[in-house]
Amino acid sequence: MTYKPTQAPNKCENMNHIRAEIDQIDHSIIKLLATRFEYVKAASKFKKNTTDVQAKERFDSMLEQRKQWSNELGLNGEIIKDLYANLVRYFIDEELKYFKNKEK
């Protein structure tokens, strides 16, 4: 599930090469997000209530960690934090649906 470049960025000869690599990267990221979601759903079996699903303290600390990782890699940490906040809110909403169906 890891991305293996066919060419280094500085070795790409044209925009088609660049776009092909970016598409491969994005596809790998989306596959990883789908795998992450499987873990999110699996986590619901360990949670007792919707408060556990929402896990506000974990959510906040996770966002700060992603921000720090992003900053360390030369990315804008605030942008990545926002991206993860949206992503994880989506996962939480989906997990809540999964969790509520489990209760029935």
PDB file of N, CA and C in Angstrom:
ATOM      1  N   MET A   1       0.810  -1.194   0.000  1.00  0.00           N
ATOM      2  CA  MET A   1       0.000   0.000   0.000  1.00  0.00           C
ATOM      3  C   MET A   1       0.856   1.261   0.000  1.00  0.00           C
ATOM      4  N   THR A   2       2.121   1.094  -0.174  1.00  0.00           N
ATOM      5  CA  THR A   2       2.972   2.271  -0.199  1.00  0.00           C
ATOM      6  C   THR A   2       3.164   2.740  -1.632  1.00  0.00           C
ATOM      7  N   TYR A   3       3.445   3.981  -1.766  1.00  0.00           N
ATOM      8  CA  TYR A   3       3.695   4.580  -3.071  1.00  0.00           C
ATOM      9  C   TYR A   3       5.143   4.345  -3.463  1.00  0.00           C
ATOM     10  N   LYS A   4       5.334   3.831  -4.643  1.00  0.00           N
ATOM     11  CA  LYS A   4       6.683   3.641  -5.173  1.00  0.00           C
ATOM     12  C   LYS A   4       6.801   4.472  -6.444  1.00  0.00           C
ATOM     13  N   PRO A   5       7.532   5.568  -6.378  1.00  0.00           N
ATOM     14  CA  PRO A   5       7.618   6.441  -7.550  1.00  0.00           C
ATOM     15  C   PRO A   5       8.290   5.735  -8.722  1.00  0.00           C
ATOM     16  N   THR A   6       7.814   6.025  -9.910  1.00  0.00           N
ATOM     17  CA  THR A   6       8.489   5.520 -11.103  1.00  0.00           C
ATOM     18  C   THR A   6       9.583   6.492 -11.527  1.00  0.00           C
ATOM     19  N   GLN A   7       9.450   7.749 -11.098  1.00  0.00           N
ATOM     20  CA  GLN A   7      10.458   8.769 -11.395  1.00  0.00           C
ATOM     21  C   GLN A   7      10.521   9.766 -10.250  1.00  0.00           C
ATOM     22  N   ALA A   8      11.694  10.256  -9.979  1.00  0.00           N
ATOM     23  CA  ALA A   8      11.841  11.337  -9.004  1.00  0.00           C
ATOM     24  C   ALA A   8      11.270  12.615  -9.603  1.00  0.00           C
ATOM     25  N   PRO A   9      10.757  13.525  -8.774  1.00  0.00           N
ATOM     26  CA  PRO A   9      10.176  14.766  -9.305  1.00  0.00           C
ATOM     27  C   PRO A   9      11.113  15.502 -10.270  1.00  0.00           C
ATOM     28  N   ASN A  10      12.389  15.569  -9.941  1.00  0.00           N
ATOM     29  CA  ASN A  10      13.326  16.305 -10.791  1.00  0.00           C
ATOM     30  C   ASN A  10      13.727  15.536 -12.057  1.00  0.00           C
ATOM     31  N   LYS A  11      13.276  14.295 -12.194  1.00  0.00           N
ATOM     32  CA  LYS A  11      13.575  13.490 -13.384  1.00  0.00           C
ATOM     33  C   LYS A  11      12.401  13.440 -14.363  1.00  0.00           C
ATOM     34  N   CYS A  12      11.250  13.976 -13.960  1.00  0.00           N
ATOM     35  CA  CYS A  12      10.085  13.983 -14.847  1.00  0.00           C
ATOM     36  C   CYS A  12      10.383  14.869 -16.054  1.00  0.00           C
ATOM     37  N   GLU A  13      10.007  14.374 -17.218  1.00  0.00           N
ATOM     38  CA  GLU A  13      10.339  15.069 -18.464  1.00  0.00           C
ATOM     39  C   GLU A  13       9.230  15.981 -18.971  1.00  0.00           C
ATOM     40  N   ASN A  14       8.004  15.793 -18.455  1.00  0.00           N
ATOM     41  CA  ASN A  14       6.902  16.626 -18.923  1.00  0.00           C
ATOM     42  C   ASN A  14       5.754  16.565 -17.919  1.00  0.00           C
ATOM     43  N   MET A  15       4.718  17.333 -18.196  1.00  0.00           N
ATOM     44  CA  MET A  15       3.566  17.394 -17.279  1.00  0.00           C
ATOM     45  C   MET A  15       2.839  16.058 -17.184  1.00  0.00           C
ATOM     46  N   ASN A  16       2.823  15.293 -18.246  1.00  0.00           N
ATOM     47  CA  ASN A  16       2.176  13.975 -18.174  1.00  0.00           C
ATOM     48  C   ASN A  16       2.851  13.083 -17.147  1.00  0.00           C
ATOM     49  N   HIS A  17       4.174  13.126 -17.080  1.00  0.00           N
ATOM     50  CA  HIS A  17       4.900  12.352 -16.076  1.00  0.00           C
ATOM     51  C   HIS A  17       4.557  12.835 -14.671  1.00  0.00           C
ATOM     52  N   ILE A  18       4.564  14.150 -14.500  1.00  0.00           N
ATOM     53  CA  ILE A  18       4.222  14.736 -13.197  1.00  0.00           C
ATOM     54  C   ILE A  18       2.815  14.319 -12.781  1.00  0.00           C
ATOM     55  N   ARG A  19       1.853  14.484 -13.687  1.00  0.00           N
ATOM     56  CA  ARG A  19       0.455  14.163 -13.367  1.00  0.00           C
ATOM     57  C   ARG A  19       0.265  12.682 -13.077  1.00  0.00           C
ATOM     58  N   ALA A  20       0.968  11.829 -13.801  1.00  0.00           N
ATOM     59  CA  ALA A  20       0.861  10.389 -13.555  1.00  0.00           C
ATOM     60  C   ALA A  20       1.354  10.055 -12.149  1.00  0.00           C
ATOM     61  N   GLU A  21       2.447  10.663 -11.737  1.00  0.00           N
ATOM     62  CA  GLU A  21       2.965  10.420 -10.381  1.00  0.00           C
ATOM     63  C   GLU A  21       2.005  10.948  -9.330  1.00  0.00           C
ATOM     64  N   ILE A  22       1.479  12.149  -9.549  1.00  0.00           N
ATOM     65  CA  ILE A  22       0.533  12.719  -8.594  1.00  0.00           C
ATOM     66  C   ILE A  22      -0.709  11.839  -8.486  1.00  0.00           C
ATOM     67  N   ASP A  23      -1.199  11.337  -9.613  1.00  0.00           N
ATOM     68  CA  ASP A  23      -2.360  10.434  -9.583  1.00  0.00           C
ATOM     69  C   ASP A  23      -2.056   9.173  -8.785  1.00  0.00           C
ATOM     70  N   GLN A  24      -0.852   8.626  -8.963  1.00  0.00           N
ATOM     71  CA  GLN A  24      -0.470   7.431  -8.195  1.00  0.00           C
ATOM     72  C   GLN A  24      -0.392   7.737  -6.703  1.00  0.00           C
ATOM     73  N   ILE A  25       0.157   8.868  -6.380  1.00  0.00           N
ATOM     74  CA  ILE A  25       0.244   9.275  -4.967  1.00  0.00           C
ATOM     75  C   ILE A  25      -1.161   9.411  -4.380  1.00  0.00           C
ATOM     76  N   ASP A  26      -2.039  10.124  -5.090  1.00  0.00           N
ATOM     77  CA  ASP A  26      -3.399  10.322  -4.590  1.00  0.00           C
ATOM     78  C   ASP A  26      -4.139   8.997  -4.442  1.00  0.00           C
ATOM     79  N   HIS A  27      -3.951   8.087  -5.390  1.00  0.00           N
ATOM     80  CA  HIS A  27      -4.605   6.783  -5.286  1.00  0.00           C
ATOM     81  C   HIS A  27      -4.097   6.028  -4.056  1.00  0.00           C
ATOM     82  N   SER A  28      -2.802   6.102  -3.800  1.00  0.00           N
ATOM     83  CA  SER A  28      -2.234   5.457  -2.606  1.00  0.00           C
ATOM     84  C   SER A  28      -2.788   6.078  -1.331  1.00  0.00           C
ATOM     85  N   ILE A  29      -2.904   7.397  -1.310  1.00  0.00           N
ATOM     86  CA  ILE A  29      -3.450   8.084  -0.135  1.00  0.00           C
ATOM     87  C   ILE A  29      -4.886   7.635   0.113  1.00  0.00           C
ATOM     88  N   ILE A  30      -5.689   7.563  -0.946  1.00  0.00           N
ATOM     89  CA  ILE A  30      -7.095   7.173  -0.796  1.00  0.00           C
ATOM     90  C   ILE A  30      -7.205   5.731  -0.322  1.00  0.00           C
ATOM     91  N   LYS A  31      -6.351   4.857  -0.824  1.00  0.00           N
ATOM     92  CA  LYS A  31      -6.351   3.463  -0.340  1.00  0.00           C
ATOM     93  C   LYS A  31      -6.011   3.423   1.152  1.00  0.00           C
ATOM     94  N   LEU A  32      -5.043   4.212   1.553  1.00  0.00           N
ATOM     95  CA  LEU A  32      -4.682   4.265   2.970  1.00  0.00           C
ATOM     96  C   LEU A  32      -5.822   4.823   3.820  1.00  0.00           C
ATOM     97  N   LEU A  33      -6.531   5.816   3.309  1.00  0.00           N
ATOM     98  CA  LEU A  33      -7.677   6.355   4.038  1.00  0.00           C
ATOM     99  C   LEU A  33      -8.770   5.303   4.192  1.00  0.00           C
ATOM    100  N   ALA A  34      -8.983   4.504   3.152  1.00  0.00           N
ATOM    101  CA  ALA A  34      -9.975   3.424   3.244  1.00  0.00           C
ATOM    102  C   ALA A  34      -9.549   2.396   4.300  1.00  0.00           C
ATOM    103  N   THR A  35      -8.271   2.099   4.359  1.00  0.00           N
ATOM    104  CA  THR A  35      -7.763   1.180   5.386  1.00  0.00           C
ATOM    105  C   THR A  35      -7.920   1.796   6.767  1.00  0.00           C
ATOM    106  N   ARG A  36      -7.627   3.089   6.882  1.00  0.00           N
ATOM    107  CA  ARG A  36      -7.808   3.787   8.161  1.00  0.00           C
ATOM    108  C   ARG A  36      -9.254   3.683   8.615  1.00  0.00           C
ATOM    109  N   PHE A  37     -10.179   3.828   7.668  1.00  0.00           N
ATOM    110  CA  PHE A  37     -11.600   3.751   7.999  1.00  0.00           C
ATOM    111  C   PHE A  37     -11.983   2.369   8.518  1.00  0.00           C
ATOM    112  N   GLU A  38     -11.375   1.324   8.000  1.00  0.00           N
ATOM    113  CA  GLU A  38     -11.642  -0.025   8.514  1.00  0.00           C
ATOM    114  C   GLU A  38     -11.251  -0.126   9.992  1.00  0.00           C
ATOM    115  N   TYR A  39     -10.156   0.518  10.364  1.00  0.00           N
ATOM    116  CA  TYR A  39      -9.749   0.534  11.777  1.00  0.00           C
ATOM    117  C   TYR A  39     -10.722   1.355  12.618  1.00  0.00           C
ATOM    118  N   VAL A  40     -11.206   2.450  12.053  1.00  0.00           N
ATOM    119  CA  VAL A  40     -12.193   3.278  12.755  1.00  0.00           C
ATOM    120  C   VAL A  40     -13.434   2.442  13.067  1.00  0.00           C
ATOM    121  N   LYS A  41     -13.927   1.713  12.073  1.00  0.00           N
ATOM    122  CA  LYS A  41     -15.117   0.880  12.287  1.00  0.00           C
ATOM    123  C   LYS A  41     -14.831  -0.217  13.309  1.00  0.00           C
ATOM    124  N   ALA A  42     -13.660  -0.814  13.228  1.00  0.00           N
ATOM    125  CA  ALA A  42     -13.303  -1.873  14.178  1.00  0.00           C
ATOM    126  C   ALA A  42     -13.211  -1.333  15.601  1.00  0.00           C
ATOM    127  N   ALA A  43     -12.826  -0.076  15.741  1.00  0.00           N
ATOM    128  CA  ALA A  43     -12.697   0.524  17.073  1.00  0.00           C
ATOM    129  C   ALA A  43     -14.026   0.614  17.792  1.00  0.00           C
ATOM    130  N   SER A  44     -15.118   0.670  17.045  1.00  0.00           N
ATOM    131  CA  SER A  44     -16.425   0.845  17.693  1.00  0.00           C
ATOM    132  C   SER A  44     -16.761  -0.315  18.629  1.00  0.00           C
ATOM    133  N   LYS A  45     -16.192  -1.484  18.391  1.00  0.00           N
ATOM    134  CA  LYS A  45     -16.490  -2.619  19.280  1.00  0.00           C
ATOM    135  C   LYS A  45     -15.879  -2.438  20.672  1.00  0.00           C
ATOM    136  N   PHE A  46     -14.957  -1.512  20.801  1.00  0.00           N
ATOM    137  CA  PHE A  46     -14.321  -1.259  22.093  1.00  0.00           C
ATOM    138  C   PHE A  46     -14.921  -0.041  22.808  1.00  0.00           C
ATOM    139  N   LYS A  47     -15.892   0.587  22.166  1.00  0.00           N
ATOM    140  CA  LYS A  47     -16.473   1.806  22.724  1.00  0.00           C
ATOM    141  C   LYS A  47     -17.854   1.526  23.303  1.00  0.00           C
ATOM    142  N   LYS A  48     -18.131   2.165  24.441  1.00  0.00           N
ATOM    143  CA  LYS A  48     -19.361   1.876  25.176  1.00  0.00           C
ATOM    144  C   LYS A  48     -20.509   2.828  24.845  1.00  0.00           C
ATOM    145  N   ASN A  49     -20.162   4.032  24.352  1.00  0.00           N
ATOM    146  CA  ASN A  49     -21.205   5.028  24.096  1.00  0.00           C
ATOM    147  C   ASN A  49     -20.727   6.034  23.047  1.00  0.00           C
ATOM    148  N   THR A  50     -21.626   6.940  22.684  1.00  0.00           N
ATOM    149  CA  THR A  50     -21.283   7.915  21.640  1.00  0.00           C
ATOM    150  C   THR A  50     -20.195   8.891  22.079  1.00  0.00           C
ATOM    151  N   THR A  51     -20.093   9.136  23.370  1.00  0.00           N
ATOM    152  CA  THR A  51     -19.017   9.993  23.871  1.00  0.00           C
ATOM    153  C   THR A  51     -17.667   9.338  23.591  1.00  0.00           C
ATOM    154  N   ASP A  52     -17.596   8.024  23.779  1.00  0.00           N
ATOM    155  CA  ASP A  52     -16.369   7.295  23.463  1.00  0.00           C
ATOM    156  C   ASP A  52     -16.061   7.377  21.971  1.00  0.00           C
ATOM    157  N   VAL A  53     -17.096   7.322  21.146  1.00  0.00           N
ATOM    158  CA  VAL A  53     -16.900   7.394  19.699  1.00  0.00           C
ATOM    159  C   VAL A  53     -16.333   8.769  19.321  1.00  0.00           C
ATOM    160  N   GLN A  54     -16.884   9.809  19.910  1.00  0.00           N
ATOM    161  CA  GLN A  54     -16.445  11.164  19.561  1.00  0.00           C
ATOM    162  C   GLN A  54     -15.069  11.494  20.127  1.00  0.00           C
ATOM    163  N   ALA A  55     -14.735  10.966  21.278  1.00  0.00           N
ATOM    164  CA  ALA A  55     -13.409  11.076  21.898  1.00  0.00           C
ATOM    165  C   ALA A  55     -12.753  12.444  21.672  1.00  0.00           C
ATOM    166  N   LYS A  56     -13.376  13.475  22.195  1.00  0.00           N
ATOM    167  CA  LYS A  56     -12.951  14.860  21.967  1.00  0.00           C
ATOM    168  C   LYS A  56     -11.477  15.091  22.316  1.00  0.00           C
ATOM    169  N   GLU A  57     -11.034  14.574  23.435  1.00  0.00           N
ATOM    170  CA  GLU A  57      -9.637  14.778  23.838  1.00  0.00           C
ATOM    171  C   GLU A  57      -8.681  14.126  22.840  1.00  0.00           C
ATOM    172  N   ARG A  58      -8.989  12.913  22.427  1.00  0.00           N
ATOM    173  CA  ARG A  58      -8.170  12.213  21.429  1.00  0.00           C
ATOM    174  C   ARG A  58      -8.185  12.979  20.097  1.00  0.00           C
ATOM    175  N   PHE A  59      -9.361  13.440  19.686  1.00  0.00           N
ATOM    176  CA  PHE A  59      -9.511  14.195  18.446  1.00  0.00           C
ATOM    177  C   PHE A  59      -8.585  15.409  18.463  1.00  0.00           C
ATOM    178  N   ASP A  60      -8.635  16.182  19.534  1.00  0.00           N
ATOM    179  CA  ASP A  60      -7.823  17.392  19.636  1.00  0.00           C
ATOM    180  C   ASP A  60      -6.327  17.085  19.649  1.00  0.00           C
ATOM    181  N   SER A  61      -5.919  16.087  20.413  1.00  0.00           N
ATOM    182  CA  SER A  61      -4.489  15.760  20.478  1.00  0.00           C
ATOM    183  C   SER A  61      -3.994  15.180  19.156  1.00  0.00           C
ATOM    184  N   MET A  62      -4.831  14.389  18.481  1.00  0.00           N
ATOM    185  CA  MET A  62      -4.467  13.823  17.189  1.00  0.00           C
ATOM    186  C   MET A  62      -4.244  14.938  16.175  1.00  0.00           C
ATOM    187  N   LEU A  63      -5.132  15.947  16.176  1.00  0.00           N
ATOM    188  CA  LEU A  63      -4.977  17.060  15.236  1.00  0.00           C
ATOM    189  C   LEU A  63      -3.677  17.826  15.481  1.00  0.00           C
ATOM    190  N   GLU A  64      -3.348  18.046  16.725  1.00  0.00           N
ATOM    191  CA  GLU A  64      -2.106  18.751  17.045  1.00  0.00           C
ATOM    192  C   GLU A  64      -0.887  17.947  16.610  1.00  0.00           C
ATOM    193  N   GLN A  65      -0.953  16.620  16.763  1.00  0.00           N
ATOM    194  CA  GLN A  65       0.165  15.769  16.339  1.00  0.00           C
ATOM    195  C   GLN A  65       0.340  15.829  14.825  1.00  0.00           C
ATOM    196  N   ARG A  66      -0.768  15.786  14.081  1.00  0.00           N
ATOM    197  CA  ARG A  66      -0.691  15.867  12.617  1.00  0.00           C
ATOM    198  C   ARG A  66      -0.154  17.215  12.178  1.00  0.00           C
ATOM    199  N   LYS A  67      -0.532  18.260  12.887  1.00  0.00           N
ATOM    200  CA  LYS A  67      -0.017  19.603  12.604  1.00  0.00           C
ATOM    201  C   LYS A  67       1.497  19.638  12.800  1.00  0.00           C
ATOM    202  N   GLN A  68       1.959  19.064  13.901  1.00  0.00           N
ATOM    203  CA  GLN A  68       3.391  19.043  14.193  1.00  0.00           C
ATOM    204  C   GLN A  68       4.135  18.240  13.125  1.00  0.00           C
ATOM    205  N   TRP A  69       3.625  17.047  12.786  1.00  0.00           N
ATOM    206  CA  TRP A  69       4.270  16.230  11.745  1.00  0.00           C
ATOM    207  C   TRP A  69       4.360  17.000  10.438  1.00  0.00           C
ATOM    208  N   SER A  70       3.289  17.689  10.095  1.00  0.00           N
ATOM    209  CA  SER A  70       3.261  18.458   8.846  1.00  0.00           C
ATOM    210  C   SER A  70       4.298  19.570   8.857  1.00  0.00           C
ATOM    211  N   ASN A  71       4.336  20.305   9.948  1.00  0.00           N
ATOM    212  CA  ASN A  71       5.322  21.381  10.068  1.00  0.00           C
ATOM    213  C   ASN A  71       6.745  20.841   9.943  1.00  0.00           C
ATOM    214  N   GLU A  72       7.003  19.694  10.563  1.00  0.00           N
ATOM    215  CA  GLU A  72       8.337  19.092  10.504  1.00  0.00           C
ATOM    216  C   GLU A  72       8.727  18.699   9.077  1.00  0.00           C
ATOM    217  N   LEU A  73       7.724  18.405   8.248  1.00  0.00           N
ATOM    218  CA  LEU A  73       7.984  17.994   6.868  1.00  0.00           C
ATOM    219  C   LEU A  73       7.876  19.151   5.877  1.00  0.00           C
ATOM    220  N   GLY A  74       7.780  20.368   6.402  1.00  0.00           N
ATOM    221  CA  GLY A  74       7.776  21.538   5.548  1.00  0.00           C
ATOM    222  C   GLY A  74       6.425  21.887   4.950  1.00  0.00           C
ATOM    223  N   LEU A  75       5.364  21.300   5.478  1.00  0.00           N
ATOM    224  CA  LEU A  75       4.011  21.622   5.030  1.00  0.00           C
ATOM    225  C   LEU A  75       3.387  22.636   5.974  1.00  0.00           C
ATOM    226  N   ASN A  76       2.309  23.240   5.551  1.00  0.00           N
ATOM    227  CA  ASN A  76       1.576  24.164   6.404  1.00  0.00           C
ATOM    228  C   ASN A  76       0.734  23.340   7.378  1.00  0.00           C
ATOM    229  N   GLY A  77       1.150  23.306   8.621  1.00  0.00           N
ATOM    230  CA  GLY A  77       0.486  22.499   9.636  1.00  0.00           C
ATOM    231  C   GLY A  77      -0.969  22.836   9.845  1.00  0.00           C
ATOM    232  N   GLU A  78      -1.309  24.109   9.745  1.00  0.00           N
ATOM    233  CA  GLU A  78      -2.710  24.515   9.932  1.00  0.00           C
ATOM    234  C   GLU A  78      -3.595  23.944   8.815  1.00  0.00           C
ATOM    235  N   ILE A  79      -3.095  23.954   7.609  1.00  0.00           N
ATOM    236  CA  ILE A  79      -3.857  23.411   6.479  1.00  0.00           C
ATOM    237  C   ILE A  79      -4.069  21.911   6.663  1.00  0.00           C
ATOM    238  N   ILE A  80      -3.022  21.206   7.015  1.00  0.00           N
ATOM    239  CA  ILE A  80      -3.128  19.753   7.212  1.00  0.00           C
ATOM    240  C   ILE A  80      -4.027  19.450   8.409  1.00  0.00           C
ATOM    241  N   LYS A  81      -3.926  20.259   9.452  1.00  0.00           N
ATOM    242  CA  LYS A  81      -4.803  20.092  10.610  1.00  0.00           C
ATOM    243  C   LYS A  81      -6.262  20.242  10.193  1.00  0.00           C
ATOM    244  N   ASP A  82      -6.570  21.245   9.396  1.00  0.00           N
ATOM    245  CA  ASP A  82      -7.942  21.436   8.906  1.00  0.00           C
ATOM    246  C   ASP A  82      -8.390  20.253   8.047  1.00  0.00           C
ATOM    247  N   LEU A  83      -7.501  19.803   7.189  1.00  0.00           N
ATOM    248  CA  LEU A  83      -7.821  18.656   6.329  1.00  0.00           C
ATOM    249  C   LEU A  83      -8.170  17.443   7.191  1.00  0.00           C
ATOM    250  N   TYR A  84      -7.334  17.159   8.190  1.00  0.00           N
ATOM    251  CA  TYR A  84      -7.595  16.026   9.080  1.00  0.00           C
ATOM    252  C   TYR A  84      -8.850  16.238   9.920  1.00  0.00           C
ATOM    253  N   ALA A  85      -9.096  17.445  10.340  1.00  0.00           N
ATOM    254  CA  ALA A  85     -10.307  17.715  11.124  1.00  0.00           C
ATOM    255  C   ALA A  85     -11.536  17.342  10.310  1.00  0.00           C
ATOM    256  N   ASN A  86     -11.566  17.750   9.047  1.00  0.00           N
ATOM    257  CA  ASN A  86     -12.703  17.392   8.180  1.00  0.00           C
ATOM    258  C   ASN A  86     -12.780  15.894   7.954  1.00  0.00           C
ATOM    259  N   LEU A  87     -11.657  15.288   7.675  1.00  0.00           N
ATOM    260  CA  LEU A  87     -11.614  13.849   7.435  1.00  0.00           C
ATOM    261  C   LEU A  87     -12.085  13.069   8.664  1.00  0.00           C
ATOM    262  N   VAL A  88     -11.562  13.407   9.808  1.00  0.00           N
ATOM    263  CA  VAL A  88     -11.884  12.657  11.016  1.00  0.00           C
ATOM    264  C   VAL A  88     -13.320  12.923  11.462  1.00  0.00           C
ATOM    265  N   ARG A  89     -13.822  14.123  11.254  1.00  0.00           N
ATOM    266  CA  ARG A  89     -15.247  14.366  11.546  1.00  0.00           C
ATOM    267  C   ARG A  89     -16.124  13.454  10.682  1.00  0.00           C
ATOM    268  N   TYR A  90     -15.753  13.313   9.414  1.00  0.00           N
ATOM    269  CA  TYR A  90     -16.477  12.389   8.534  1.00  0.00           C
ATOM    270  C   TYR A  90     -16.402  10.966   9.093  1.00  0.00           C
ATOM    271  N   PHE A  91     -15.206  10.523   9.470  1.00  0.00           N
ATOM    272  CA  PHE A  91     -15.051   9.173  10.020  1.00  0.00           C
ATOM    273  C   PHE A  91     -15.851   9.008  11.311  1.00  0.00           C
ATOM    274  N   ILE A  92     -15.858  10.030  12.154  1.00  0.00           N
ATOM    275  CA  ILE A  92     -16.631   9.958  13.399  1.00  0.00           C
ATOM    276  C   ILE A  92     -18.117   9.835  13.086  1.00  0.00           C
ATOM    277  N   ASP A  93     -18.601  10.630  12.149  1.00  0.00           N
ATOM    278  CA  ASP A  93     -20.011  10.531  11.758  1.00  0.00           C
ATOM    279  C   ASP A  93     -20.344   9.128  11.259  1.00  0.00           C
ATOM    280  N   GLU A  94     -19.464   8.571  10.449  1.00  0.00           N
ATOM    281  CA  GLU A  94     -19.685   7.218   9.932  1.00  0.00           C
ATOM    282  C   GLU A  94     -19.596   6.187  11.057  1.00  0.00           C
ATOM    283  N   GLU A  95     -18.651   6.372  11.947  1.00  0.00           N
ATOM    284  CA  GLU A  95     -18.510   5.455  13.082  1.00  0.00           C
ATOM    285  C   GLU A  95     -19.743   5.527  13.982  1.00  0.00           C
ATOM    286  N   LEU A  96     -20.281   6.723  14.161  1.00  0.00           N
ATOM    287  CA  LEU A  96     -21.509   6.863  14.960  1.00  0.00           C
ATOM    288  C   LEU A  96     -22.647   6.069  14.335  1.00  0.00           C
ATOM    289  N   LYS A  97     -22.784   6.123  13.014  1.00  0.00           N
ATOM    290  CA  LYS A  97     -23.809   5.321  12.326  1.00  0.00           C
ATOM    291  C   LYS A  97     -23.564   3.835  12.573  1.00  0.00           C
ATOM    292  N   TYR A  98     -22.324   3.431  12.427  1.00  0.00           N
ATOM    293  CA  TYR A  98     -21.946   2.034  12.626  1.00  0.00           C
ATOM    294  C   TYR A  98     -22.226   1.626  14.080  1.00  0.00           C
ATOM    295  N   PHE A  99     -21.850   2.491  15.009  1.00  0.00           N
ATOM    296  CA  PHE A  99     -22.023   2.227  16.439  1.00  0.00           C
ATOM    297  C   PHE A  99     -23.495   2.116  16.784  1.00  0.00           C
ATOM    298  N   LYS A 100     -24.310   3.024  16.258  1.00  0.00           N
ATOM    299  CA  LYS A 100     -25.744   2.998  16.562  1.00  0.00           C
ATOM    300  C   LYS A 100     -26.420   1.764  15.973  1.00  0.00           C
ATOM    301  N   ASN A 101     -25.976   1.328  14.808  1.00  0.00           N
ATOM    302  CA  ASN A 101     -26.522   0.093  14.215  1.00  0.00           C
ATOM    303  C   ASN A 101     -26.132  -1.120  15.040  1.00  0.00           C
ATOM    304  N   LYS A 102     -24.970  -1.066  15.641  1.00  0.00           N
ATOM    305  CA  LYS A 102     -24.490  -2.164  16.487  1.00  0.00           C
ATOM    306  C   LYS A 102     -25.381  -2.316  17.716  1.00  0.00           C
ATOM    307  N   GLU A 103     -25.910  -1.189  18.199  1.00  0.00           N
ATOM    308  CA  GLU A 103     -26.739  -1.198  19.417  1.00  0.00           C
ATOM    309  C   GLU A 103     -28.099  -1.850  19.182  1.00  0.00           C
ATOM    310  N   LYS A 104     -28.530  -1.902  17.934  1.00  0.00           N
ATOM    311  CA  LYS A 104     -29.879  -2.425  17.628  1.00  0.00           C
ATOM    312  C   LYS A 104     -29.936  -3.929  17.741  1.00  0.00           C
TER     313      LYS A 104
END
